[in-house]
mmCIF file of all heavy atoms, coordinates in Angstrom:
data_MODEL
# 
_entry.id   MODEL 
# 
loop_
_atom_site.group_PDB 
_atom_site.id 
_atom_site.type_symbol 
_atom_site.label_atom_id 
_atom_site.label_alt_id 
_atom_site.label_comp_id 
_atom_site.label_asym_id 
_atom_site.label_entity_id 
_atom_site.label_seq_id 
_atom_site.pdbx_PDB_ins_code 
_atom_site.Cartn_x 
_atom_site.Cartn_y 
_atom_site.Cartn_z 
_atom_site.occupancy 
_atom_site.B_iso_or_equiv 
_atom_site.pdbx_formal_charge 
_atom_site.auth_seq_id 
_atom_site.auth_comp_id 
_atom_site.auth_asym_id 
_atom_site.auth_atom_id 
_atom_site.pdbx_PDB_model_num 
ATOM 1   N N   . ASN A 1 1  ? 12.455  -2.772 -18.121 1.00 0.00 ? 1  ASN A N   1 
ATOM 2   C CA  . ASN A 1 1  ? 13.461  -3.411 -17.260 1.00 0.00 ? 1  ASN A CA  1 
ATOM 3   C C   . ASN A 1 1  ? 13.571  -2.763 -15.888 1.00 0.00 ? 1  ASN A C   1 
ATOM 4   O O   . ASN A 1 1  ? 14.592  -2.865 -15.221 1.00 0.00 ? 1  ASN A O   1 
ATOM 5   C CB  . ASN A 1 1  ? 14.827  -3.402 -17.949 1.00 0.00 ? 1  ASN A CB  1 
ATOM 6   C CG  . ASN A 1 1  ? 15.273  -1.982 -18.301 1.00 0.00 ? 1  ASN A CG  1 
ATOM 7   O OD1 . ASN A 1 1  ? 14.496  -1.038 -18.212 1.00 0.00 ? 1  ASN A OD1 1 
ATOM 8   N ND2 . ASN A 1 1  ? 16.517  -1.834 -18.723 1.00 0.00 ? 1  ASN A ND2 1 
ATOM 9   N N   . LEU A 1 2  ? 12.521  -2.072 -15.448 1.00 0.00 ? 2  LEU A N   1 
ATOM 10  C CA  . LEU A 1 2  ? 12.532  -1.478 -14.116 1.00 0.00 ? 2  LEU A CA  1 
ATOM 11  C C   . LEU A 1 2  ? 12.439  -2.563 -13.050 1.00 0.00 ? 2  LEU A C   1 
ATOM 12  O O   . LEU A 1 2  ? 11.656  -3.511 -13.193 1.00 0.00 ? 2  LEU A O   1 
ATOM 13  C CB  . LEU A 1 2  ? 11.348  -0.513 -13.937 1.00 0.00 ? 2  LEU A CB  1 
ATOM 14  C CG  . LEU A 1 2  ? 11.280  0.713  -14.857 1.00 0.00 ? 2  LEU A CG  1 
ATOM 15  C CD1 . LEU A 1 2  ? 10.027  1.526  -14.540 1.00 0.00 ? 2  LEU A CD1 1 
ATOM 16  C CD2 . LEU A 1 2  ? 12.524  1.577  -14.699 1.00 0.00 ? 2  LEU A CD2 1 
ATOM 17  N N   . ASN A 1 3  ? 13.223  -2.409 -11.984 1.00 0.00 ? 3  ASN A N   1 
ATOM 18  C CA  . ASN A 1 3  ? 13.073  -3.350 -10.877 1.00 0.00 ? 3  ASN A CA  1 
ATOM 19  C C   . ASN A 1 3  ? 11.938  -2.882 -9.967  1.00 0.00 ? 3  ASN A C   1 
ATOM 20  O O   . ASN A 1 3  ? 11.339  -1.822 -10.195 1.00 0.00 ? 3  ASN A O   1 
ATOM 21  C CB  . ASN A 1 3  ? 14.384  -3.514 -10.096 1.00 0.00 ? 3  ASN A CB  1 
ATOM 22  C CG  . ASN A 1 3  ? 14.877  -2.207 -9.486  1.00 0.00 ? 3  ASN A CG  1 
ATOM 23  O OD1 . ASN A 1 3  ? 14.086  -1.396 -9.003  1.00 0.00 ? 3  ASN A OD1 1 
ATOM 24  N ND2 . ASN A 1 3  ? 16.194  -1.995 -9.498  1.00 0.00 ? 3  ASN A ND2 1 
ATOM 25  N N   . HIS A 1 4  ? 11.635  -3.669 -8.926  1.00 0.00 ? 4  HIS A N   1 
ATOM 26  C CA  . HIS A 1 4  ? 10.481  -3.353 -8.070  1.00 0.00 ? 4  HIS A CA  1 
ATOM 27  C C   . HIS A 1 4  ? 10.612  -1.983 -7.424  1.00 0.00 ? 4  HIS A C   1 
ATOM 28  O O   . HIS A 1 4  ? 9.650   -1.198 -7.405  1.00 0.00 ? 4  HIS A O   1 
ATOM 29  C CB  . HIS A 1 4  ? 10.328  -4.424 -6.988  1.00 0.00 ? 4  HIS A CB  1 
ATOM 30  C CG  . HIS A 1 4  ? 9.188   -4.165 -6.056  1.00 0.00 ? 4  HIS A CG  1 
ATOM 31  N ND1 . HIS A 1 4  ? 7.865   -4.387 -6.406  1.00 0.00 ? 4  HIS A ND1 1 
ATOM 32  C CD2 . HIS A 1 4  ? 9.168   -3.674 -4.780  1.00 0.00 ? 4  HIS A CD2 1 
ATOM 33  C CE1 . HIS A 1 4  ? 7.089   -4.051 -5.393  1.00 0.00 ? 4  HIS A CE1 1 
ATOM 34  N NE2 . HIS A 1 4  ? 7.843   -3.616 -4.400  1.00 0.00 ? 4  HIS A NE2 1 
ATOM 35  N N   . THR A 1 5  ? 11.794  -1.666 -6.903  1.00 0.00 ? 5  THR A N   1 
ATOM 36  C CA  . THR A 1 5  ? 12.011  -0.375 -6.239  1.00 0.00 ? 5  THR A CA  1 
ATOM 37  C C   . THR A 1 5  ? 11.794  0.774  -7.212  1.00 0.00 ? 5  THR A C   1 
ATOM 38  O O   . THR A 1 5  ? 11.161  1.782  -6.870  1.00 0.00 ? 5  THR A O   1 
ATOM 39  C CB  . THR A 1 5  ? 13.438  -0.300 -5.660  1.00 0.00 ? 5  THR A CB  1 
ATOM 40  O OG1 . THR A 1 5  ? 13.619  -1.367 -4.730  1.00 0.00 ? 5  THR A OG1 1 
ATOM 41  C CG2 . THR A 1 5  ? 13.671  1.027  -4.954  1.00 0.00 ? 5  THR A CG2 1 
ATOM 42  N N   . GLU A 1 6  ? 12.294  0.637  -8.422  1.00 0.00 ? 6  GLU A N   1 
ATOM 43  C CA  . GLU A 1 6  ? 12.133  1.681  -9.441  1.00 0.00 ? 6  GLU A CA  1 
ATOM 44  C C   . GLU A 1 6  ? 10.669  1.841  -9.831  1.00 0.00 ? 6  GLU A C   1 
ATOM 45  O O   . GLU A 1 6  ? 10.190  2.960  -10.050 1.00 0.00 ? 6  GLU A O   1 
ATOM 46  C CB  . GLU A 1 6  ? 12.984  1.346  -10.663 1.00 0.00 ? 6  GLU A CB  1 
ATOM 47  C CG  . GLU A 1 6  ? 14.484  1.483  -10.400 1.00 0.00 ? 6  GLU A CG  1 
ATOM 48  C CD  . GLU A 1 6  ? 15.334  0.877  -11.499 1.00 0.00 ? 6  GLU A CD  1 
ATOM 49  O OE1 . GLU A 1 6  ? 14.846  -0.035 -12.208 1.00 0.00 ? 6  GLU A OE1 1 
ATOM 50  O OE2 . GLU A 1 6  ? 16.494  1.312  -11.666 1.00 0.00 ? 6  GLU A OE2 1 
ATOM 51  N N   . LYS A 1 7  ? 9.940   0.736  -9.923  1.00 0.00 ? 7  LYS A N   1 
ATOM 52  C CA  . LYS A 1 7  ? 8.507   0.806  -10.236 1.00 0.00 ? 7  LYS A CA  1 
ATOM 53  C C   . LYS A 1 7  ? 7.748   1.567  -9.160  1.00 0.00 ? 7  LYS A C   1 
ATOM 54  O O   . LYS A 1 7  ? 6.877   2.394  -9.463  1.00 0.00 ? 7  LYS A O   1 
ATOM 55  C CB  . LYS A 1 7  ? 7.929   -0.594 -10.400 1.00 0.00 ? 7  LYS A CB  1 
ATOM 56  C CG  . LYS A 1 7  ? 8.378   -1.325 -11.649 1.00 0.00 ? 7  LYS A CG  1 
ATOM 57  C CD  . LYS A 1 7  ? 7.878   -2.766 -11.655 1.00 0.00 ? 7  LYS A CD  1 
ATOM 58  C CE  . LYS A 1 7  ? 8.426   -3.528 -12.850 1.00 0.00 ? 7  LYS A CE  1 
ATOM 59  N NZ  . LYS A 1 7  ? 8.021   -4.955 -12.838 1.00 0.00 ? 7  LYS A NZ  1 
ATOM 60  N N   . MET A 1 8  ? 8.067   1.279  -7.896  1.00 0.00 ? 8  MET A N   1 
ATOM 61  C CA  . MET A 1 8  ? 7.386   1.950  -6.791  1.00 0.00 ? 8  MET A CA  1 
ATOM 62  C C   . MET A 1 8  ? 7.688   3.457  -6.790  1.00 0.00 ? 8  MET A C   1 
ATOM 63  O O   . MET A 1 8  ? 6.807   4.287  -6.544  1.00 0.00 ? 8  MET A O   1 
ATOM 64  C CB  . MET A 1 8  ? 7.801   1.343  -5.444  1.00 0.00 ? 8  MET A CB  1 
ATOM 65  C CG  . MET A 1 8  ? 7.405   -0.124 -5.252  1.00 0.00 ? 8  MET A CG  1 
ATOM 66  S SD  . MET A 1 8  ? 5.624   -0.438 -5.463  1.00 0.00 ? 8  MET A SD  1 
ATOM 67  C CE  . MET A 1 8  ? 5.585   -1.134 -7.127  1.00 0.00 ? 8  MET A CE  1 
ATOM 68  N N   . GLU A 1 9  ? 8.942   3.813  -7.085  1.00 0.00 ? 9  GLU A N   1 
ATOM 69  C CA  . GLU A 1 9  ? 9.319   5.219  -7.134  1.00 0.00 ? 9  GLU A CA  1 
ATOM 70  C C   . GLU A 1 9  ? 8.639   5.926  -8.298  1.00 0.00 ? 9  GLU A C   1 
ATOM 71  O O   . GLU A 1 9  ? 8.171   7.069  -8.172  1.00 0.00 ? 9  GLU A O   1 
ATOM 72  C CB  . GLU A 1 9  ? 10.845  5.343  -7.250  1.00 0.00 ? 9  GLU A CB  1 
ATOM 73  C CG  . GLU A 1 9  ? 11.367  6.775  -7.341  1.00 0.00 ? 9  GLU A CG  1 
ATOM 74  C CD  . GLU A 1 9  ? 11.106  7.600  -6.098  1.00 0.00 ? 9  GLU A CD  1 
ATOM 75  O OE1 . GLU A 1 9  ? 10.666  7.020  -5.072  1.00 0.00 ? 9  GLU A OE1 1 
ATOM 76  O OE2 . GLU A 1 9  ? 11.333  8.816  -6.144  1.00 0.00 ? 9  GLU A OE2 1 
ATOM 77  N N   . LEU A 1 10 ? 8.551   5.241  -9.443  1.00 0.00 ? 10 LEU A N   1 
ATOM 78  C CA  . LEU A 1 10 ? 7.888   5.833  -10.606 1.00 0.00 ? 10 LEU A CA  1 
ATOM 79  C C   . LEU A 1 10 ? 6.406   6.046  -10.332 1.00 0.00 ? 10 LEU A C   1 
ATOM 80  O O   . LEU A 1 10 ? 5.850   7.092  -10.687 1.00 0.00 ? 10 LEU A O   1 
ATOM 81  C CB  . LEU A 1 10 ? 8.079   4.935  -11.830 1.00 0.00 ? 10 LEU A CB  1 
ATOM 82  C CG  . LEU A 1 10 ? 7.458   5.440  -13.142 1.00 0.00 ? 10 LEU A CG  1 
ATOM 83  C CD1 . LEU A 1 10 ? 8.024   6.814  -13.520 1.00 0.00 ? 10 LEU A CD1 1 
ATOM 84  C CD2 . LEU A 1 10 ? 7.689   4.440  -14.267 1.00 0.00 ? 10 LEU A CD2 1 
ATOM 85  N N   . ILE A 1 11 ? 5.766   5.080  -9.685  1.00 0.00 ? 11 ILE A N   1 
ATOM 86  C CA  . ILE A 1 11 ? 4.350   5.226  -9.332  1.00 0.00 ? 11 ILE A CA  1 
ATOM 87  C C   . ILE A 1 11 ? 4.152   6.428  -8.415  1.00 0.00 ? 11 ILE A C   1 
ATOM 88  O O   . ILE A 1 11 ? 3.209   7.211  -8.580  1.00 0.00 ? 11 ILE A O   1 
ATOM 89  C CB  . ILE A 1 11 ? 3.822   3.938  -8.658  1.00 0.00 ? 11 ILE A CB  1 
ATOM 90  C CG1 . ILE A 1 11 ? 3.722   2.812  -9.688  1.00 0.00 ? 11 ILE A CG1 1 
ATOM 91  C CG2 . ILE A 1 11 ? 2.450   4.178  -8.014  1.00 0.00 ? 11 ILE A CG2 1 
ATOM 92  C CD1 . ILE A 1 11 ? 3.403   1.458  -9.078  1.00 0.00 ? 11 ILE A CD1 1 
ATOM 93  N N   . ARG A 1 12 ? 5.048   6.589  -7.433  1.00 0.00 ? 12 ARG A N   1 
ATOM 94  C CA  . ARG A 1 12 ? 4.937   7.728  -6.506  1.00 0.00 ? 12 ARG A CA  1 
ATOM 95  C C   . ARG A 1 12 ? 5.033   9.048  -7.254  1.00 0.00 ? 12 ARG A C   1 
ATOM 96  O O   . ARG A 1 12 ? 4.233   9.967  -7.030  1.00 0.00 ? 12 ARG A O   1 
ATOM 97  C CB  . ARG A 1 12 ? 6.044   7.648  -5.448  1.00 0.00 ? 12 ARG A CB  1 
ATOM 98  C CG  . ARG A 1 12 ? 5.939   8.701  -4.346  1.00 0.00 ? 12 ARG A CG  1 
ATOM 99  C CD  . ARG A 1 12 ? 7.149   8.694  -3.435  1.00 0.00 ? 12 ARG A CD  1 
ATOM 100 N NE  . ARG A 1 12 ? 8.343   9.171  -4.119  1.00 0.00 ? 12 ARG A NE  1 
ATOM 101 C CZ  . ARG A 1 12 ? 8.611   10.469 -4.311  1.00 0.00 ? 12 ARG A CZ  1 
ATOM 102 N NH1 . ARG A 1 12 ? 7.768   11.390 -3.891  1.00 0.00 ? 12 ARG A NH1 1 
ATOM 103 N NH2 . ARG A 1 12 ? 9.708   10.842 -4.922  1.00 0.00 ? 12 ARG A NH2 1 
ATOM 104 N N   . ILE A 1 13 ? 5.990   9.148  -8.176  1.00 0.00 ? 13 ILE A N   1 
ATOM 105 C CA  . ILE A 1 13 ? 6.179   10.395 -8.932  1.00 0.00 ? 13 ILE A CA  1 
ATOM 106 C C   . ILE A 1 13 ? 5.009   10.653 -9.870  1.00 0.00 ? 13 ILE A C   1 
ATOM 107 O O   . ILE A 1 13 ? 4.493   11.775 -9.958  1.00 0.00 ? 13 ILE A O   1 
ATOM 108 C CB  . ILE A 1 13 ? 7.505   10.334 -9.714  1.00 0.00 ? 13 ILE A CB  1 
ATOM 109 C CG1 . ILE A 1 13 ? 8.695   10.339 -8.750  1.00 0.00 ? 13 ILE A CG1 1 
ATOM 110 C CG2 . ILE A 1 13 ? 7.620   11.510 -10.680 1.00 0.00 ? 13 ILE A CG2 1 
ATOM 111 C CD1 . ILE A 1 13 ? 10.027  10.070 -9.414  1.00 0.00 ? 13 ILE A CD1 1 
ATOM 112 N N   . LEU A 1 14 ? 4.559   9.606  -10.574 1.00 0.00 ? 14 LEU A N   1 
ATOM 113 C CA  . LEU A 1 14 ? 3.442   9.776  -11.508 1.00 0.00 ? 14 LEU A CA  1 
ATOM 114 C C   . LEU A 1 14 ? 2.146   10.109 -10.776 1.00 0.00 ? 14 LEU A C   1 
ATOM 115 O O   . LEU A 1 14 ? 1.331   10.889 -11.268 1.00 0.00 ? 14 LEU A O   1 
ATOM 116 C CB  . LEU A 1 14 ? 3.277   8.519  -12.365 1.00 0.00 ? 14 LEU A CB  1 
ATOM 117 C CG  . LEU A 1 14 ? 4.410   8.247  -13.359 1.00 0.00 ? 14 LEU A CG  1 
ATOM 118 C CD1 . LEU A 1 14 ? 4.180   6.929  -14.087 1.00 0.00 ? 14 LEU A CD1 1 
ATOM 119 C CD2 . LEU A 1 14 ? 4.544   9.384  -14.369 1.00 0.00 ? 14 LEU A CD2 1 
ATOM 120 N N   . ASN A 1 15 ? 1.957   9.512  -9.595  1.00 0.00 ? 15 ASN A N   1 
ATOM 121 C CA  . ASN A 1 15 ? 0.788   9.853  -8.781  1.00 0.00 ? 15 ASN A CA  1 
ATOM 122 C C   . ASN A 1 15 ? 0.801   11.324 -8.393  1.00 0.00 ? 15 ASN A C   1 
ATOM 123 O O   . ASN A 1 15 ? -0.239  12.000 -8.385  1.00 0.00 ? 15 ASN A O   1 
ATOM 124 C CB  . ASN A 1 15 ? 0.740   8.990  -7.519  1.00 0.00 ? 15 ASN A CB  1 
ATOM 125 C CG  . ASN A 1 15 ? 0.005   7.683  -7.730  1.00 0.00 ? 15 ASN A CG  1 
ATOM 126 O OD1 . ASN A 1 15 ? -0.852  7.586  -8.600  1.00 0.00 ? 15 ASN A OD1 1 
ATOM 127 N ND2 . ASN A 1 15 ? 0.346   6.674  -6.963  1.00 0.00 ? 15 ASN A ND2 1 
ATOM 128 N N   . LYS A 1 16 ? 1.991   11.820 -8.055  1.00 0.00 ? 16 LYS A N   1 
ATOM 129 C CA  . LYS A 1 16 ? 2.116   13.232 -7.681  1.00 0.00 ? 16 LYS A CA  1 
ATOM 130 C C   . LYS A 1 16 ? 1.740   14.125 -8.861  1.00 0.00 ? 16 LYS A C   1 
ATOM 131 O O   . LYS A 1 16 ? 1.020   15.122 -8.695  1.00 0.00 ? 16 LYS A O   1 
ATOM 132 C CB  . LYS A 1 16 ? 3.544   13.523 -7.225  1.00 0.00 ? 16 LYS A CB  1 
ATOM 133 C CG  . LYS A 1 16 ? 3.755   14.956 -6.748  1.00 0.00 ? 16 LYS A CG  1 
ATOM 134 C CD  . LYS A 1 16 ? 5.157   15.178 -6.192  1.00 0.00 ? 16 LYS A CD  1 
ATOM 135 C CE  . LYS A 1 16 ? 5.338   16.621 -5.729  1.00 0.00 ? 16 LYS A CE  1 
ATOM 136 N NZ  . LYS A 1 16 ? 6.682   16.855 -5.156  1.00 0.00 ? 16 LYS A NZ  1 
ATOM 137 N N   . LEU A 1 17 ? 2.213   13.775 -10.050 1.00 0.00 ? 17 LEU A N   1 
ATOM 138 C CA  . LEU A 1 17 ? 1.859   14.549 -11.235 1.00 0.00 ? 17 LEU A CA  1 
ATOM 139 C C   . LEU A 1 17 ? 0.367   14.457 -11.538 1.00 0.00 ? 17 LEU A C   1 
ATOM 140 O O   . LEU A 1 17 ? -0.267  15.443 -11.926 1.00 0.00 ? 17 LEU A O   1 
ATOM 141 C CB  . LEU A 1 17 ? 2.660   14.049 -12.446 1.00 0.00 ? 17 LEU A CB  1 
ATOM 142 C CG  . LEU A 1 17 ? 4.055   14.636 -12.649 1.00 0.00 ? 17 LEU A CG  1 
ATOM 143 C CD1 . LEU A 1 17 ? 4.751   13.945 -13.819 1.00 0.00 ? 17 LEU A CD1 1 
ATOM 144 C CD2 . LEU A 1 17 ? 3.994   16.143 -12.884 1.00 0.00 ? 17 LEU A CD2 1 
ATOM 145 N N   . ASP A 1 18 ? -0.191  13.264 -11.360 1.00 0.00 ? 18 ASP A N   1 
ATOM 146 C CA  . ASP A 1 18 ? -1.621  13.083 -11.619 1.00 0.00 ? 18 ASP A CA  1 
ATOM 147 C C   . ASP A 1 18 ? -2.463  13.911 -10.656 1.00 0.00 ? 18 ASP A C   1 
ATOM 148 O O   . ASP A 1 18 ? -3.472  14.516 -11.063 1.00 0.00 ? 18 ASP A O   1 
ATOM 149 C CB  . ASP A 1 18 ? -1.987  11.603 -11.506 1.00 0.00 ? 18 ASP A CB  1 
ATOM 150 C CG  . ASP A 1 18 ? -3.417  11.329 -11.917 1.00 0.00 ? 18 ASP A CG  1 
ATOM 151 O OD1 . ASP A 1 18 ? -3.742  11.524 -13.105 1.00 0.00 ? 18 ASP A OD1 1 
ATOM 152 O OD2 . ASP A 1 18 ? -4.239  10.942 -11.059 1.00 0.00 ? 18 ASP A OD2 1 
ATOM 153 N N   . ARG A 1 19 ? -2.052  13.953 -9.388  1.00 0.00 ? 19 ARG A N   1 
ATOM 154 C CA  . ARG A 1 19 ? -2.783  14.768 -8.398  1.00 0.00 ? 19 ARG A CA  1 
ATOM 155 C C   . ARG A 1 19 ? -2.722  16.251 -8.738  1.00 0.00 ? 19 ARG A C   1 
ATOM 156 O O   . ARG A 1 19 ? -3.630  17.013 -8.391  1.00 0.00 ? 19 ARG A O   1 
ATOM 157 C CB  . ARG A 1 19 ? -2.219  14.525 -6.993  1.00 0.00 ? 19 ARG A CB  1 
ATOM 158 C CG  . ARG A 1 19 ? -2.559  13.170 -6.399  1.00 0.00 ? 19 ARG A CG  1 
ATOM 159 C CD  . ARG A 1 19 ? -2.282  13.127 -4.904  1.00 0.00 ? 19 ARG A CD  1 
ATOM 160 N NE  . ARG A 1 19 ? -0.899  13.392 -4.591  1.00 0.00 ? 19 ARG A NE  1 
ATOM 161 C CZ  . ARG A 1 19 ? 0.033   12.447 -4.490  1.00 0.00 ? 19 ARG A CZ  1 
ATOM 162 N NH1 . ARG A 1 19 ? -0.267  11.187 -4.705  1.00 0.00 ? 19 ARG A NH1 1 
ATOM 163 N NH2 . ARG A 1 19 ? 1.278   12.766 -4.173  1.00 0.00 ? 19 ARG A NH2 1 
ATOM 164 N N   . PHE A 1 20 ? -1.652  16.652 -9.418  1.00 0.00 ? 20 PHE A N   1 
ATOM 165 C CA  . PHE A 1 20 ? -1.538  18.048 -9.829  1.00 0.00 ? 20 PHE A CA  1 
ATOM 166 C C   . PHE A 1 20 ? -2.455  18.336 -11.023 1.00 0.00 ? 20 PHE A C   1 
ATOM 167 O O   . PHE A 1 20 ? -3.191  19.324 -11.037 1.00 0.00 ? 20 PHE A O   1 
ATOM 168 C CB  . PHE A 1 20 ? -0.094  18.368 -10.214 1.00 0.00 ? 20 PHE A CB  1 
ATOM 169 C CG  . PHE A 1 20 ? 0.089   19.751 -10.793 1.00 0.00 ? 20 PHE A CG  1 
ATOM 170 C CD1 . PHE A 1 20 ? 0.221   20.854 -9.967  1.00 0.00 ? 20 PHE A CD1 1 
ATOM 171 C CD2 . PHE A 1 20 ? 0.105   19.959 -12.165 1.00 0.00 ? 20 PHE A CD2 1 
ATOM 172 C CE1 . PHE A 1 20 ? 0.372   22.134 -10.488 1.00 0.00 ? 20 PHE A CE1 1 
ATOM 173 C CE2 . PHE A 1 20 ? 0.256   21.220 -12.703 1.00 0.00 ? 20 PHE A CE2 1 
ATOM 174 C CZ  . PHE A 1 20 ? 0.385   22.316 -11.865 1.00 0.00 ? 20 PHE A CZ  1 
ATOM 175 N N   . HIS A 1 21 ? -2.410  17.478 -12.040 1.00 0.00 ? 21 HIS A N   1 
ATOM 176 C CA  . HIS A 1 21 ? -3.095  17.777 -13.299 1.00 0.00 ? 21 HIS A CA  1 
ATOM 177 C C   . HIS A 1 21 ? -4.592  17.449 -13.311 1.00 0.00 ? 21 HIS A C   1 
ATOM 178 O O   . HIS A 1 21 ? -5.357  18.123 -14.007 1.00 0.00 ? 21 HIS A O   1 
ATOM 179 C CB  . HIS A 1 21 ? -2.413  17.025 -14.448 1.00 0.00 ? 21 HIS A CB  1 
ATOM 180 C CG  . HIS A 1 21 ? -1.044  17.537 -14.768 1.00 0.00 ? 21 HIS A CG  1 
ATOM 181 N ND1 . HIS A 1 21 ? -0.833  18.786 -15.323 1.00 0.00 ? 21 HIS A ND1 1 
ATOM 182 C CD2 . HIS A 1 21 ? 0.191   16.983 -14.600 1.00 0.00 ? 21 HIS A CD2 1 
ATOM 183 C CE1 . HIS A 1 21 ? 0.467   18.973 -15.488 1.00 0.00 ? 21 HIS A CE1 1 
ATOM 184 N NE2 . HIS A 1 21 ? 1.109   17.912 -15.053 1.00 0.00 ? 21 HIS A NE2 1 
ATOM 185 N N   . HIS A 1 22 ? -4.995  16.423 -12.558 1.00 0.00 ? 22 HIS A N   1 
ATOM 186 C CA  . HIS A 1 22 ? -6.394  15.996 -12.654 1.00 0.00 ? 22 HIS A CA  1 
ATOM 187 C C   . HIS A 1 22 ? -7.408  17.075 -12.253 1.00 0.00 ? 22 HIS A C   1 
ATOM 188 O O   . HIS A 1 22 ? -8.399  17.284 -12.964 1.00 0.00 ? 22 HIS A O   1 
ATOM 189 C CB  . HIS A 1 22 ? -6.620  14.725 -11.826 1.00 0.00 ? 22 HIS A CB  1 
ATOM 190 C CG  . HIS A 1 22 ? -7.955  14.095 -12.072 1.00 0.00 ? 22 HIS A CG  1 
ATOM 191 N ND1 . HIS A 1 22 ? -9.075  14.391 -11.317 1.00 0.00 ? 22 HIS A ND1 1 
ATOM 192 C CD2 . HIS A 1 22 ? -8.377  13.216 -13.013 1.00 0.00 ? 22 HIS A CD2 1 
ATOM 193 C CE1 . HIS A 1 22 ? -10.108 13.720 -11.755 1.00 0.00 ? 22 HIS A CE1 1 
ATOM 194 N NE2 . HIS A 1 22 ? -9.716  12.995 -12.792 1.00 0.00 ? 22 HIS A NE2 1 
ATOM 195 N N   . PRO A 1 23 ? -7.201  17.786 -11.144 1.00 0.00 ? 23 PRO A N   1 
ATOM 196 C CA  . PRO A 1 23 ? -8.161  18.849 -10.801 1.00 0.00 ? 23 PRO A CA  1 
ATOM 197 C C   . PRO A 1 23 ? -8.234  19.942 -11.872 1.00 0.00 ? 23 PRO A C   1 
ATOM 198 O O   . PRO A 1 23 ? -9.302  20.516 -12.106 1.00 0.00 ? 23 PRO A O   1 
ATOM 199 C CB  . PRO A 1 23 ? -7.619  19.416 -9.486  1.00 0.00 ? 23 PRO A CB  1 
ATOM 200 C CG  . PRO A 1 23 ? -6.763  18.335 -8.931  1.00 0.00 ? 23 PRO A CG  1 
ATOM 201 C CD  . PRO A 1 23 ? -6.153  17.659 -10.119 1.00 0.00 ? 23 PRO A CD  1 
ATOM 202 N N   . ILE A 1 24 ? -7.101  20.216 -12.504 1.00 0.00 ? 24 ILE A N   1 
ATOM 203 C CA  . ILE A 1 24 ? -7.084  21.221 -13.577 1.00 0.00 ? 24 ILE A CA  1 
ATOM 204 C C   . ILE A 1 24 ? -7.894  20.727 -14.765 1.00 0.00 ? 24 ILE A C   1 
ATOM 205 O O   . ILE A 1 24 ? -8.737  21.450 -15.325 1.00 0.00 ? 24 ILE A O   1 
ATOM 206 C CB  . ILE A 1 24 ? -5.634  21.532 -14.008 1.00 0.00 ? 24 ILE A CB  1 
ATOM 207 C CG1 . ILE A 1 24 ? -4.853  22.139 -12.839 1.00 0.00 ? 24 ILE A CG1 1 
ATOM 208 C CG2 . ILE A 1 24 ? -5.616  22.483 -15.211 1.00 0.00 ? 24 ILE A CG2 1 
ATOM 209 C CD1 . ILE A 1 24 ? -3.364  22.274 -13.098 1.00 0.00 ? 24 ILE A CD1 1 
# 
């Protein structure tokens, strides 16, 4: 039930986590 704004914010946060973990 996330709205568009919440989806965009979640993508931003998850991308940040992915950029941290992927090189490791």
